[in-house]
């Protein structure tokens, strides 16, 4: 069986009075140079994630070239089909 070895009156400790609150902390403001550095960093990240115009131009050129090749294939197939068909 467990026994309590501390006196009954000492189970609850008395807290210090609430009038001895710690002094409020002094708020430190962020320096101007730090704010400028943060804005510059955010601007650089946004700039690095911008869409690339050159990539769009390359993609557009690839699509035009692909469309022209498809038209050329269709024309060649139609010409071959007309040449192979019997005369009417």
PDB file of N, CA and C in Angstrom:
ATOM      1  N   UNK A   1       0.837  -1.161   0.000  1.00  0.00           N
ATOM      2  CA  UNK A   1       0.000   0.000   0.000  1.00  0.00           C
ATOM      3  C   UNK A   1       0.891   1.236   0.000  1.00  0.00           C
ATOM      4  N   UNK A   2       0.469   2.250  -0.752  1.00  0.00           N
ATOM      5  CA  UNK A   2       1.240   3.490  -0.826  1.00  0.00           C
ATOM      6  C   UNK A   2       0.890   4.381   0.351  1.00  0.00           C
ATOM      7  N   UNK A   3       1.910   5.004   0.899  1.00  0.00           N
ATOM      8  CA  UNK A   3       1.660   5.941   2.001  1.00  0.00           C
ATOM      9  C   UNK A   3       2.182   7.303   1.610  1.00  0.00           C
ATOM     10  N   UNK A   4       1.539   8.337   2.089  1.00  0.00           N
ATOM     11  CA  UNK A   4       1.952   9.704   1.821  1.00  0.00           C
ATOM     12  C   UNK A   4       2.935  10.104   2.908  1.00  0.00           C
ATOM     13  N   UNK A   5       4.126  10.530   2.514  1.00  0.00           N
ATOM     14  CA  UNK A   5       5.133  10.878   3.508  1.00  0.00           C
ATOM     15  C   UNK A   5       5.205  12.375   3.758  1.00  0.00           C
ATOM     16  N   UNK A   6       4.500  13.195   2.938  1.00  0.00           N
ATOM     17  CA  UNK A   6       4.523  14.637   3.162  1.00  0.00           C
ATOM     18  C   UNK A   6       3.359  15.023   4.035  1.00  0.00           C
ATOM     19  N   UNK A   7       3.535  16.026   4.860  1.00  0.00           N
ATOM     20  CA  UNK A   7       2.418  16.454   5.701  1.00  0.00           C
ATOM     21  C   UNK A   7       1.266  16.983   4.843  1.00  0.00           C
ATOM     22  N   UNK A   8       0.088  16.854   5.334  1.00  0.00           N
ATOM     23  CA  UNK A   8      -1.115  17.223   4.578  1.00  0.00           C
ATOM     24  C   UNK A   8      -1.106  18.701   4.221  1.00  0.00           C
ATOM     25  N   UNK A   9      -0.625  19.551   5.067  1.00  0.00           N
ATOM     26  CA  UNK A   9      -0.621  20.989   4.815  1.00  0.00           C
ATOM     27  C   UNK A   9       0.324  21.396   3.706  1.00  0.00           C
ATOM     28  N   UNK A  10       1.256  20.568   3.329  1.00  0.00           N
ATOM     29  CA  UNK A  10       2.249  20.945   2.322  1.00  0.00           C
ATOM     30  C   UNK A  10       1.902  20.402   0.928  1.00  0.00           C
ATOM     31  N   UNK A  11       0.773  19.751   0.757  1.00  0.00           N
ATOM     32  CA  UNK A  11       0.404  19.234  -0.554  1.00  0.00           C
ATOM     33  C   UNK A  11       0.172  20.365  -1.553  1.00  0.00           C
ATOM     34  N   UNK A  12      -0.434  21.413  -1.110  1.00  0.00           N
ATOM     35  CA  UNK A  12      -0.728  22.544  -1.991  1.00  0.00           C
ATOM     36  C   UNK A  12       0.236  23.662  -1.659  1.00  0.00           C
ATOM     37  N   UNK A  13       1.065  24.009  -2.599  1.00  0.00           N
ATOM     38  CA  UNK A  13       2.009  25.088  -2.370  1.00  0.00           C
ATOM     39  C   UNK A  13       1.323  26.423  -2.585  1.00  0.00           C
ATOM     40  N   UNK A  14       1.739  27.380  -1.834  1.00  0.00           N
ATOM     41  CA  UNK A  14       1.194  28.727  -1.962  1.00  0.00           C
ATOM     42  C   UNK A  14       1.904  29.440  -3.107  1.00  0.00           C
ATOM     43  N   UNK A  15       1.143  30.024  -4.017  1.00  0.00           N
ATOM     44  CA  UNK A  15       1.707  30.763  -5.127  1.00  0.00           C
ATOM     45  C   UNK A  15       2.046  32.174  -4.668  1.00  0.00           C
ATOM     46  N   UNK A  16       3.020  32.788  -5.279  1.00  0.00           N
ATOM     47  CA  UNK A  16       3.322  34.169  -4.898  1.00  0.00           C
ATOM     48  C   UNK A  16       2.151  35.067  -5.284  1.00  0.00           C
ATOM     49  N   UNK A  17       2.027  36.187  -4.645  1.00  0.00           N
ATOM     50  CA  UNK A  17       0.900  37.078  -4.968  1.00  0.00           C
ATOM     51  C   UNK A  17       0.974  37.541  -6.418  1.00  0.00           C
ATOM     52  N   UNK A  18      -0.155  37.799  -7.019  1.00  0.00           N
ATOM     53  CA  UNK A  18      -0.214  38.145  -8.434  1.00  0.00           C
ATOM     54  C   UNK A  18       0.290  39.556  -8.704  1.00  0.00           C
ATOM     55  N   UNK A  19       0.602  40.320  -7.706  1.00  0.00           N
ATOM     56  CA  UNK A  19       1.079  41.681  -7.932  1.00  0.00           C
ATOM     57  C   UNK A  19       2.536  41.688  -8.403  1.00  0.00           C
ATOM     58  N   UNK A  20       3.217  40.566  -8.356  1.00  0.00           N
ATOM     59  CA  UNK A  20       4.613  40.517  -8.793  1.00  0.00           C
ATOM     60  C   UNK A  20       4.701  39.948 -10.206  1.00  0.00           C
ATOM     61  N   UNK A  21       3.962  40.545 -11.141  1.00  0.00           N
ATOM     62  CA  UNK A  21       4.011  40.118 -12.539  1.00  0.00           C
ATOM     63  C   UNK A  21       5.328  40.567 -13.154  1.00  0.00           C
ATOM     64  N   UNK A  22       5.830  39.823 -14.108  1.00  0.00           N
ATOM     65  CA  UNK A  22       7.075  40.249 -14.764  1.00  0.00           C
ATOM     66  C   UNK A  22       6.846  41.543 -15.545  1.00  0.00           C
ATOM     67  N   UNK A  23       7.884  42.308 -15.694  1.00  0.00           N
ATOM     68  CA  UNK A  23       7.796  43.574 -16.428  1.00  0.00           C
ATOM     69  C   UNK A  23       7.490  43.281 -17.887  1.00  0.00           C
ATOM     70  N   UNK A  24       6.669  44.113 -18.513  1.00  0.00           N
ATOM     71  CA  UNK A  24       6.347  43.865 -19.928  1.00  0.00           C
ATOM     72  C   UNK A  24       7.603  43.983 -20.783  1.00  0.00           C
ATOM     73  N   UNK A  25       7.677  43.124 -21.786  1.00  0.00           N
ATOM     74  CA  UNK A  25       8.849  43.115 -22.657  1.00  0.00           C
ATOM     75  C   UNK A  25       8.817  44.325 -23.576  1.00  0.00           C
ATOM     76  N   UNK A  26       9.973  44.835 -23.876  1.00  0.00           N
ATOM     77  CA  UNK A  26      10.097  45.971 -24.764  1.00  0.00           C
ATOM     78  C   UNK A  26       9.978  45.466 -26.201  1.00  0.00           C
ATOM     79  N   UNK A  27       9.125  46.070 -26.970  1.00  0.00           N
ATOM     80  CA  UNK A  27       8.898  45.656 -28.351  1.00  0.00           C
ATOM     81  C   UNK A  27      10.009  46.240 -29.215  1.00  0.00           C
ATOM     82  N   UNK A  28      10.684  45.365 -29.954  1.00  0.00           N
ATOM     83  CA  UNK A  28      11.736  45.828 -30.841  1.00  0.00           C
ATOM     84  C   UNK A  28      11.159  45.994 -32.234  1.00  0.00           C
ATOM     85  N   UNK A  29      11.404  47.134 -32.816  1.00  0.00           N
ATOM     86  CA  UNK A  29      10.945  47.387 -34.174  1.00  0.00           C
ATOM     87  C   UNK A  29      11.972  46.839 -35.159  1.00  0.00           C
ATOM     88  N   UNK A  30      11.486  46.448 -36.314  1.00  0.00           N
ATOM     89  CA  UNK A  30      12.364  45.929 -37.355  1.00  0.00           C
ATOM     90  C   UNK A  30      13.011  47.125 -38.049  1.00  0.00           C
ATOM     91  N   UNK A  31      14.297  47.038 -38.267  1.00  0.00           N
ATOM     92  CA  UNK A  31      15.026  48.144 -38.879  1.00  0.00           C
ATOM     93  C   UNK A  31      14.610  48.321 -40.336  1.00  0.00           C
ATOM     94  N   UNK A  32      14.818  49.518 -40.840  1.00  0.00           N
ATOM     95  CA  UNK A  32      14.450  49.843 -42.211  1.00  0.00           C
ATOM     96  C   UNK A  32      15.202  48.960 -43.204  1.00  0.00           C
ATOM     97  N   UNK A  33      16.468  48.734 -42.969  1.00  0.00           N
ATOM     98  CA  UNK A  33      17.261  47.909 -43.888  1.00  0.00           C
ATOM     99  C   UNK A  33      16.743  46.474 -43.930  1.00  0.00           C
ATOM    100  N   UNK A  34      16.260  45.967 -42.788  1.00  0.00           N
ATOM    101  CA  UNK A  34      15.706  44.610 -42.762  1.00  0.00           C
ATOM    102  C   UNK A  34      14.403  44.535 -43.553  1.00  0.00           C
ATOM    103  N   UNK A  35      13.566  45.563 -43.427  1.00  0.00           N
ATOM    104  CA  UNK A  35      12.315  45.573 -44.183  1.00  0.00           C
ATOM    105  C   UNK A  35      12.585  45.665 -45.681  1.00  0.00           C
ATOM    106  N   UNK A  36      13.572  46.497 -46.057  1.00  0.00           N
ATOM    107  CA  UNK A  36      13.926  46.596 -47.473  1.00  0.00           C
ATOM    108  C   UNK A  36      14.483  45.283 -48.007  1.00  0.00           C
ATOM    109  N   UNK A  37      15.300  44.610 -47.200  1.00  0.00           N
ATOM    110  CA  UNK A  37      15.867  43.330 -47.630  1.00  0.00           C
ATOM    111  C   UNK A  37      14.761  42.290 -47.810  1.00  0.00           C
ATOM    112  N   UNK A  38      13.780  42.305 -46.924  1.00  0.00           N
ATOM    113  CA  UNK A  38      12.666  41.355 -47.053  1.00  0.00           C
ATOM    114  C   UNK A  38      11.870  41.629 -48.318  1.00  0.00           C
ATOM    115  N   UNK A  39      11.576  42.885 -48.585  1.00  0.00           N
ATOM    116  CA  UNK A  39      10.821  43.226 -49.798  1.00  0.00           C
ATOM    117  C   UNK A  39      11.603  42.857 -51.054  1.00  0.00           C
ATOM    118  N   UNK A  40      12.901  43.112 -51.031  1.00  0.00           N
ATOM    119  CA  UNK A  40      13.737  42.758 -52.173  1.00  0.00           C
ATOM    120  C   UNK A  40      13.749  41.243 -52.386  1.00  0.00           C
ATOM    121  N   UNK A  41      13.849  40.481 -51.308  1.00  0.00           N
ATOM    122  CA  UNK A  41      13.837  39.022 -51.418  1.00  0.00           C
ATOM    123  C   UNK A  41      12.528  38.502 -51.989  1.00  0.00           C
ATOM    124  N   UNK A  42      11.420  39.047 -51.516  1.00  0.00           N
ATOM    125  CA  UNK A  42      10.108  38.613 -52.020  1.00  0.00           C
ATOM    126  C   UNK A  42       9.971  38.988 -53.490  1.00  0.00           C
ATOM    127  N   UNK A  43      10.449  40.182 -53.860  1.00  0.00           N
ATOM    128  CA  UNK A  43      10.374  40.603 -55.261  1.00  0.00           C
ATOM    129  C   UNK A  43      11.227  39.693 -56.145  1.00  0.00           C
ATOM    130  N   UNK A  44      12.389  39.295 -55.671  1.00  0.00           N
ATOM    131  CA  UNK A  44      13.244  38.409 -56.464  1.00  0.00           C
ATOM    132  C   UNK A  44      12.610  37.032 -56.640  1.00  0.00           C
ATOM    133  N   UNK A  45      11.971  36.531 -55.610  1.00  0.00           N
ATOM    134  CA  UNK A  45      11.299  35.230 -55.729  1.00  0.00           C
ATOM    135  C   UNK A  45      10.151  35.335 -56.727  1.00  0.00           C
ATOM    136  N   UNK A  46       9.371  36.399 -56.641  1.00  0.00           N
ATOM    137  CA  UNK A  46       8.266  36.579 -57.588  1.00  0.00           C
ATOM    138  C   UNK A  46       8.793  36.730 -59.013  1.00  0.00           C
ATOM    139  N   UNK A  47       9.892  37.464 -59.175  1.00  0.00           N
ATOM    140  CA  UNK A  47      10.465  37.656 -60.505  1.00  0.00           C
ATOM    141  C   UNK A  47      10.994  36.348 -61.083  1.00  0.00           C
ATOM    142  N   UNK A  48      11.579  35.513 -60.228  1.00  0.00           N
ATOM    143  CA  UNK A  48      12.135  34.257 -60.734  1.00  0.00           C
ATOM    144  C   UNK A  48      11.052  33.265 -61.131  1.00  0.00           C
ATOM    145  N   UNK A  49       9.843  33.458 -60.641  1.00  0.00           N
ATOM    146  CA  UNK A  49       8.749  32.535 -60.970  1.00  0.00           C
ATOM    147  C   UNK A  49       7.844  33.071 -62.072  1.00  0.00           C
ATOM    148  N   UNK A  50       8.268  34.125 -62.751  1.00  0.00           N
ATOM    149  CA  UNK A  50       7.448  34.707 -63.812  1.00  0.00           C
ATOM    150  C   UNK A  50       7.414  33.752 -65.001  1.00  0.00           C
ATOM    151  N   UNK A  51       6.386  33.846 -65.823  1.00  0.00           N
ATOM    152  CA  UNK A  51       6.350  33.004 -67.019  1.00  0.00           C
ATOM    153  C   UNK A  51       7.423  33.452 -68.004  1.00  0.00           C
ATOM    154  N   UNK A  52       8.009  32.531 -68.673  1.00  0.00           N
ATOM    155  CA  UNK A  52       9.093  32.820 -69.603  1.00  0.00           C
ATOM    156  C   UNK A  52       8.514  33.099 -70.984  1.00  0.00           C
ATOM    157  N   UNK A  53       8.804  34.256 -71.548  1.00  0.00           N
ATOM    158  CA  UNK A  53       8.305  34.628 -72.871  1.00  0.00           C
ATOM    159  C   UNK A  53       8.992  33.778 -73.931  1.00  0.00           C
ATOM    160  N   UNK A  54      10.278  33.521 -73.755  1.00  0.00           N
ATOM    161  CA  UNK A  54      11.012  32.747 -74.748  1.00  0.00           C
ATOM    162  C   UNK A  54      10.469  31.330 -74.853  1.00  0.00           C
ATOM    163  N   UNK A  55      10.090  30.749 -73.727  1.00  0.00           N
ATOM    164  CA  UNK A  55       9.528  29.407 -73.760  1.00  0.00           C
ATOM    165  C   UNK A  55       8.210  29.398 -74.528  1.00  0.00           C
ATOM    166  N   UNK A  56       7.393  30.438 -74.357  1.00  0.00           N
ATOM    167  CA  UNK A  56       6.124  30.507 -75.078  1.00  0.00           C
ATOM    168  C   UNK A  56       6.367  30.638 -76.579  1.00  0.00           C
ATOM    169  N   UNK A  57       7.374  31.431 -76.945  1.00  0.00           N
ATOM    170  CA  UNK A  57       7.665  31.589 -78.373  1.00  0.00           C
ATOM    171  C   UNK A  57       8.143  30.275 -78.975  1.00  0.00           C
ATOM    172  N   UNK A  58       8.988  29.565 -78.242  1.00  0.00           N
ATOM    173  CA  UNK A  58       9.459  28.268 -78.737  1.00  0.00           C
ATOM    174  C   UNK A  58       8.302  27.290 -78.888  1.00  0.00           C
ATOM    175  N   UNK A  59       7.429  27.291 -77.909  1.00  0.00           N
ATOM    176  CA  UNK A  59       6.274  26.389 -77.972  1.00  0.00           C
ATOM    177  C   UNK A  59       5.370  26.757 -79.147  1.00  0.00           C
ATOM    178  N   UNK A  60       5.150  28.047 -79.346  1.00  0.00           N
ATOM    179  CA  UNK A  60       4.309  28.488 -80.464  1.00  0.00           C
ATOM    180  C   UNK A  60       4.942  28.097 -81.797  1.00  0.00           C
ATOM    181  N   UNK A  61       6.254  28.256 -81.927  1.00  0.00           N
ATOM    182  CA  UNK A  61       6.944  27.884 -83.162  1.00  0.00           C
ATOM    183  C   UNK A  61       6.838  26.379 -83.398  1.00  0.00           C
ATOM    184  N   UNK A  62       6.952  25.602 -82.324  1.00  0.00           N
ATOM    185  CA  UNK A  62       6.824  24.142 -82.454  1.00  0.00           C
ATOM    186  C   UNK A  62       5.414  23.758 -82.911  1.00  0.00           C
ATOM    187  N   UNK A  63       4.406  24.441 -82.359  1.00  0.00           N
ATOM    188  CA  UNK A  63       3.024  24.142 -82.754  1.00  0.00           C
ATOM    189  C   UNK A  63       2.777  24.502 -84.213  1.00  0.00           C
ATOM    190  N   UNK A  64       3.293  25.654 -84.671  1.00  0.00           N
ATOM    191  CA  UNK A  64       3.118  26.063 -86.071  1.00  0.00           C
ATOM    192  C   UNK A  64       3.804  25.071 -86.997  1.00  0.00           C
ATOM    193  N   UNK A  65       5.021  24.668 -86.631  1.00  0.00           N
ATOM    194  CA  UNK A  65       5.756  23.708 -87.450  1.00  0.00           C
ATOM    195  C   UNK A  65       5.010  22.375 -87.503  1.00  0.00           C
ATOM    196  N   UNK A  66       4.463  21.947 -86.398  1.00  0.00           N
ATOM    197  CA  UNK A  66       3.701  20.699 -86.355  1.00  0.00           C
ATOM    198  C   UNK A  66       2.441  20.799 -87.213  1.00  0.00           C
ATOM    199  N   UNK A  67       1.757  21.949 -87.148  1.00  0.00           N
ATOM    200  CA  UNK A  67       0.548  22.127 -87.957  1.00  0.00           C
ATOM    201  C   UNK A  67       0.883  22.122 -89.444  1.00  0.00           C
ATOM    202  N   UNK A  68       1.976  22.787 -89.810  1.00  0.00           N
ATOM    203  CA  UNK A  68       2.382  22.786 -91.226  1.00  0.00           C
ATOM    204  C   UNK A  68       2.735  21.378 -91.702  1.00  0.00           C
ATOM    205  N   UNK A  69       3.424  20.617 -90.875  1.00  0.00           N
ATOM    206  CA  UNK A  69       3.775  19.243 -91.248  1.00  0.00           C
ATOM    207  C   UNK A  69       2.514  18.398 -91.412  1.00  0.00           C
ATOM    208  N   UNK A  70       1.523  18.597 -90.546  1.00  0.00           N
ATOM    209  CA  UNK A  70       0.271  17.836 -90.655  1.00  0.00           C
ATOM    210  C   UNK A  70      -0.465  18.209 -91.940  1.00  0.00           C
ATOM    211  N   UNK A  71      -0.496  19.502 -92.287  1.00  0.00           N
ATOM    212  CA  UNK A  71      -1.143  19.916 -93.533  1.00  0.00           C
ATOM    213  C   UNK A  71      -0.433  19.318 -94.746  1.00  0.00           C
ATOM    214  N   UNK A  72       0.893  19.331 -94.701  1.00  0.00           N
ATOM    215  CA  UNK A  72       1.677  18.762 -95.804  1.00  0.00           C
ATOM    216  C   UNK A  72       1.375  17.265 -95.957  1.00  0.00           C
ATOM    217  N   UNK A  73       1.297  16.545 -94.838  1.00  0.00           N
ATOM    218  CA  UNK A  73       0.978  15.111 -94.891  1.00  0.00           C
ATOM    219  C   UNK A  73      -0.410  14.885 -95.477  1.00  0.00           C
ATOM    220  N   UNK A  74      -1.378  15.711 -95.051  1.00  0.00           N
ATOM    221  CA  UNK A  74      -2.738  15.566 -95.574  1.00  0.00           C
ATOM    222  C   UNK A  74      -2.783  15.820 -97.082  1.00  0.00           C
ATOM    223  N   UNK A  75      -2.081  16.877 -97.510  1.00  0.00           N
ATOM    224  CA  UNK A  75      -2.041  17.167 -98.948  1.00  0.00           C
ATOM    225  C   UNK A  75      -1.413  16.021 -99.730  1.00  0.00           C
ATOM    226  N   UNK A  76      -0.318  15.491 -99.201  1.00  0.00           N
ATOM    227  CA  UNK A  76       0.358  14.381 -99.884  1.00  0.00           C
ATOM    228  C   UNK A  76      -0.544  13.144 -99.936  1.00  0.00           C
ATOM    229  N   UNK A  77      -1.245  12.870 -98.858  1.00  0.00           N
ATOM    230  CA  UNK A  77      -2.157  11.708 -98.842  1.00  0.00           C
ATOM    231  C   UNK A  77      -3.293  11.893 -99.837  1.00  0.00           C
ATOM    232  N   UNK A  78      -3.858  13.107 -99.897  1.00  0.00           N
ATOM    233  CA  UNK A  78      -4.942  13.361-100.854  1.00  0.00           C
ATOM    234  C   UNK A  78      -4.440  13.241-102.299  1.00  0.00           C
ATOM    235  N   UNK A  79      -3.257  13.789-102.574  1.00  0.00           N
ATOM    236  CA  UNK A  79      -2.689  13.692-103.919  1.00  0.00           C
ATOM    237  C   UNK A  79      -2.447  12.235-104.309  1.00  0.00           C
ATOM    238  N   UNK A  80      -1.874  11.456-103.358  1.00  0.00           N
ATOM    239  CA  UNK A  80      -1.609  10.041-103.639  1.00  0.00           C
ATOM    240  C   UNK A  80      -2.922   9.295-103.869  1.00  0.00           C
ATOM    241  N   UNK A  81      -3.940   9.620-103.070  1.00  0.00           N
ATOM    242  CA  UNK A  81      -5.234   8.935-103.218  1.00  0.00           C
ATOM    243  C   UNK A  81      -5.849   9.265-104.581  1.00  0.00           C
ATOM    244  N   UNK A  82      -5.772  10.519-104.989  1.00  0.00           N
ATOM    245  CA  UNK A  82      -6.323  10.897-106.293  1.00  0.00           C
ATOM    246  C   UNK A  82      -5.563  10.250-107.445  1.00  0.00           C
ATOM    247  N   UNK A  83      -4.272  10.069-107.283  1.00  0.00           N
ATOM    248  CA  UNK A  83      -3.504   9.446-108.358  1.00  0.00           C
ATOM    249  C   UNK A  83      -3.748   7.948-108.428  1.00  0.00           C
ATOM    250  N   UNK A  84      -4.118   7.332-107.311  1.00  0.00           N
ATOM    251  CA  UNK A  84      -4.323   5.887-107.299  1.00  0.00           C
ATOM    252  C   UNK A  84      -5.740   5.496-107.676  1.00  0.00           C
ATOM    253  N   UNK A  85      -6.683   6.413-107.546  1.00  0.00           N
ATOM    254  CA  UNK A  85      -8.064   6.076-107.862  1.00  0.00           C
ATOM    255  C   UNK A  85      -8.222   5.837-109.361  1.00  0.00           C
ATOM    256  N   UNK A  86      -9.104   4.922-109.724  1.00  0.00           N
ATOM    257  CA  UNK A  86      -9.341   4.699-111.156  1.00  0.00           C
ATOM    258  C   UNK A  86     -10.076   5.907-111.774  1.00  0.00           C
ATOM    259  N   UNK A  87      -9.872   6.106-113.075  1.00  0.00           N
ATOM    260  CA  UNK A  87     -10.522   7.197-113.775  1.00  0.00           C
ATOM    261  C   UNK A  87     -12.007   6.916-113.893  1.00  0.00           C
ATOM    262  N   UNK A  88     -12.819   7.920-113.968  1.00  0.00           N
ATOM    263  CA  UNK A  88     -14.270   7.734-114.117  1.00  0.00           C
ATOM    264  C   UNK A  88     -14.667   7.815-115.528  1.00  0.00           C
TER     265      UNK A  88
END
